[in-house]
Amino acid sequence: MKKSIVAGLTLAVVLSLGTAGYTAEEKKVEKSNLVAVTATVEAIDQATRMVTLKTPDGKLVSFIADEAVKNLPQVKVGDKVKVNYYESLVMRVLKPEEAAVNVAGAGVAAAKPGEKPAGVGAREVTVTVTIEAIDMKAGTVTFKGPAGNVRTIPAEDPKNLEKIKVGDRVAVTYKEALAISVEAAK
């Protein structure tokens, strides 16, 4: 079920990407995005684990730090929290002789005890879907996921539907990574 949801979401995003990174020879669309933000710790309540950050544009964002954040006592008002988020999406029409790919992997790492909180996490999911129908007039594509589930989704840019045909097997790979670190106030 999770693979089919991911396949549907990723295929929907790819079909909305326009022609970014598209090459006719490979029938491949690639899109990636990197966001980097540094916020300042405005307030922190160690007892309730409530943290308030001030973003570069002056907005305040509050949240409760999960118990997984082991080094919260090292965070002080004025510290800088750096967040980097990367995501990429690749859709590639498989050649007839290529095997279907359906894999998922993830990893995480955290700061050592006593250090300022920091952590990284990444995951990658690849699923192969088969194009069952394309409705150019409605701007939709119907595909079958690896578990046999069938979904119909709209393409934000219907011109992308011209890049595929019924019967194509499409490998959709979604990658994301998040890195967070806290640096002492200067």
Protein backbone atom coordinates (compact mmCIF):
# COMPACT_ATOMS: atom_id res chain seq x y z
CA MET A 1 0.00 0.00 0.00
CA LYS A 2 2.77 2.47 0.92
CA LYS A 3 4.59 1.78 -2.34
CA SER A 4 1.44 2.49 -4.34
CA ILE A 5 0.87 5.77 -2.51
CA VAL A 6 4.48 6.80 -3.11
CA ALA A 7 4.23 5.76 -6.76
CA GLY A 8 1.09 7.83 -7.22
CA LEU A 9 2.49 10.88 -5.51
CA THR A 10 5.82 10.73 -7.26
CA LEU A 11 4.34 10.13 -10.69
CA ALA A 12 1.92 13.02 -10.11
CA VAL A 13 4.78 15.32 -9.20
CA VAL A 14 6.89 14.22 -12.16
CA LEU A 15 4.06 14.74 -14.61
CA SER A 16 3.70 18.28 -13.27
CA LEU A 17 7.36 19.16 -13.73
CA GLY A 18 7.18 20.44 -17.27
CA THR A 19 10.21 19.65 -19.38
CA ALA A 20 12.83 20.20 -16.69
CA GLY A 21 15.72 17.87 -17.39
CA TYR A 22 13.88 15.88 -20.08
CA THR A 23 15.92 14.08 -22.73
CA ALA A 24 14.15 12.43 -25.65
CA GLU A 25 16.75 9.67 -26.10
CA GLU A 26 16.36 8.36 -22.57
CA LYS A 27 12.73 9.33 -21.96
CA LYS A 28 13.74 10.67 -18.58
CA VAL A 29 12.60 13.62 -16.46
CA GLU A 30 14.67 14.85 -13.51
CA LYS A 31 13.89 17.52 -10.94
CA SER A 32 15.67 18.44 -7.71
CA ASN A 33 15.38 21.10 -5.06
CA LEU A 34 17.60 22.22 -2.17
CA VAL A 35 16.35 24.47 0.62
CA ALA A 36 18.71 25.86 3.26
CA VAL A 37 17.45 27.90 6.21
CA THR A 38 19.12 29.18 9.36
CA ALA A 39 16.86 30.16 12.26
CA THR A 40 17.64 31.53 15.72
CA VAL A 41 16.45 29.96 18.97
CA GLU A 42 14.15 32.60 20.51
CA ALA A 43 12.89 30.56 23.47
CA ILE A 44 13.27 27.08 24.86
CA ASP A 45 11.45 25.36 27.73
CA GLN A 46 13.44 22.29 28.70
CA ALA A 47 10.62 20.93 30.91
CA THR A 48 8.00 20.89 28.15
CA ARG A 49 10.57 20.60 25.29
CA MET A 50 8.86 23.58 23.58
CA VAL A 51 11.27 25.35 21.20
CA THR A 52 10.56 28.64 19.43
CA LEU A 53 12.65 29.59 16.41
CA LYS A 54 12.82 32.91 14.60
CA THR A 55 13.18 32.53 10.84
CA PRO A 56 15.23 34.95 8.70
CA ASP A 57 12.02 36.76 7.69
CA GLY A 58 11.10 37.33 11.34
CA LYS A 59 8.39 34.67 11.71
CA LEU A 60 8.23 32.66 14.91
CA VAL A 61 7.84 28.90 14.66
CA SER A 62 7.17 26.82 17.78
CA PHE A 63 7.26 23.05 18.17
CA ILE A 64 7.81 20.38 20.76
CA ALA A 65 11.14 18.62 20.28
CA ASP A 66 10.66 14.87 20.11
CA GLU A 67 12.25 12.62 22.75
CA ALA A 68 14.57 11.43 19.97
CA VAL A 69 16.38 14.78 20.34
CA LYS A 70 18.72 13.55 23.09
CA ASN A 71 20.88 16.66 23.43
CA LEU A 72 18.17 19.29 23.89
CA PRO A 73 19.71 20.53 27.20
CA GLN A 74 22.69 21.84 25.20
CA VAL A 75 20.45 24.24 23.22
CA LYS A 76 20.32 27.83 24.45
CA VAL A 77 18.51 31.02 23.40
CA GLY A 78 20.49 32.67 20.61
CA ASP A 79 21.82 29.41 19.14
CA LYS A 80 21.53 29.02 15.37
CA VAL A 81 19.61 26.07 13.90
CA LYS A 82 20.68 25.19 10.37
CA VAL A 83 18.35 23.10 8.24
CA ASN A 84 19.15 21.74 4.79
CA TYR A 85 16.48 19.82 2.89
CA TYR A 86 17.11 18.15 -0.44
CA GLU A 87 14.68 16.27 -2.63
CA SER A 88 14.87 14.87 -6.12
CA LEU A 89 12.56 13.02 -8.41
CA VAL A 90 13.47 11.04 -11.50
CA MET A 91 11.07 9.33 -13.86
CA ARG A 92 12.56 7.09 -16.54
CA VAL A 93 10.82 4.92 -19.09
CA LEU A 94 12.41 1.47 -18.88
CA LYS A 95 13.62 -0.34 -21.97
CA PRO A 96 11.75 -3.59 -22.70
CA GLU A 97 14.69 -5.73 -21.53
CA GLU A 98 15.15 -3.86 -18.24
CA ALA A 99 13.89 -5.42 -15.03
CA ALA A 100 11.39 -3.61 -12.84
CA VAL A 101 12.85 -1.86 -9.81
CA ASN A 102 10.97 -1.68 -6.50
CA VAL A 103 13.24 -0.81 -3.58
CA ALA A 104 13.30 1.48 -0.56
CA GLY A 105 16.06 2.44 1.81
CA ALA A 106 16.64 4.91 4.60
CA GLY A 107 19.28 5.93 7.09
CA VAL A 108 19.70 8.30 10.02
CA ALA A 109 22.54 9.57 12.21
CA ALA A 110 22.61 11.85 15.26
CA ALA A 111 25.09 13.84 17.33
CA LYS A 112 26.96 12.15 20.15
CA PRO A 113 25.71 12.62 23.74
CA GLY A 114 26.70 15.99 25.17
CA GLU A 115 27.11 17.68 21.78
CA LYS A 116 24.76 20.25 20.33
CA PRO A 117 21.82 18.48 18.65
CA ALA A 118 22.42 17.49 15.06
CA GLY A 119 21.15 14.81 12.79
CA VAL A 120 20.82 13.65 9.23
CA GLY A 121 18.29 11.42 7.61
CA ALA A 122 17.76 10.24 4.09
CA ARG A 123 15.50 7.93 2.18
CA GLU A 124 15.13 6.73 -1.36
CA VAL A 125 12.19 4.90 -2.90
CA THR A 126 12.04 3.49 -6.41
CA VAL A 127 8.92 1.89 -7.81
CA THR A 128 8.08 0.72 -11.29
CA VAL A 129 4.61 1.44 -12.61
CA THR A 130 3.01 0.43 -15.89
CA ILE A 131 1.09 2.98 -17.93
CA GLU A 132 -2.42 1.58 -18.45
CA ALA A 133 -4.18 4.53 -20.12
CA ILE A 134 -3.56 8.12 -21.15
CA ASP A 135 -6.44 10.56 -21.59
CA MET A 136 -5.03 13.57 -23.42
CA LYS A 137 -8.38 15.37 -23.39
CA ALA A 138 -8.79 15.03 -19.61
CA GLY A 139 -5.02 15.40 -19.01
CA THR A 140 -4.79 12.22 -16.92
CA VAL A 141 -2.72 9.07 -16.83
CA THR A 142 -3.75 5.71 -15.39
CA PHE A 143 -1.04 3.39 -14.13
CA LYS A 144 -0.72 0.08 -12.34
CA GLY A 145 1.61 -0.08 -9.34
CA PRO A 146 3.82 -2.99 -8.28
CA ALA A 147 1.08 -4.43 -6.04
CA GLY A 148 -1.44 -4.44 -8.92
CA ASN A 149 -3.27 -1.35 -7.74
CA VAL A 150 -4.56 0.99 -10.45
CA ARG A 151 -4.68 4.78 -10.07
CA THR A 152 -5.60 7.66 -12.32
CA ILE A 153 -3.93 11.00 -11.69
CA PRO A 154 -4.04 14.39 -13.42
CA ALA A 155 -0.95 15.85 -15.05
CA GLU A 156 -0.40 19.48 -14.14
CA ASP A 157 1.28 19.89 -17.54
CA PRO A 158 -0.58 17.59 -19.98
CA LYS A 159 2.27 18.00 -22.51
CA ASN A 160 4.24 15.57 -20.33
CA LEU A 161 1.73 12.88 -21.28
CA GLU A 162 3.18 12.99 -24.80
CA LYS A 163 6.43 11.55 -23.40
CA ILE A 164 4.86 8.22 -22.45
CA LYS A 165 2.64 5.62 -24.08
CA VAL A 166 0.34 2.85 -22.90
CA GLY A 167 2.39 -0.18 -21.91
CA ASP A 168 5.46 1.81 -20.88
CA ARG A 169 7.05 0.73 -17.63
CA VAL A 170 8.23 3.78 -15.73
CA ALA A 171 10.76 3.69 -12.89
CA VAL A 172 10.00 6.51 -10.47
CA THR A 173 12.71 7.36 -7.92
CA TYR A 174 12.12 9.81 -5.07
CA LYS A 175 15.01 10.85 -2.82
CA GLU A 176 14.99 13.16 0.16
CA ALA A 177 17.56 14.12 2.76
CA LEU A 178 17.39 16.37 5.79
CA ALA A 179 20.29 17.70 7.83
CA ILE A 180 19.81 19.73 11.02
CA SER A 181 22.50 21.18 13.24
CA VAL A 182 22.62 23.61 16.14
CA GLU A 183 25.51 26.03 16.53
CA ALA A 184 26.25 28.00 19.68
CA ALA A 185 25.39 31.70 19.71
CA LYS A 186 28.36 33.96 19.05
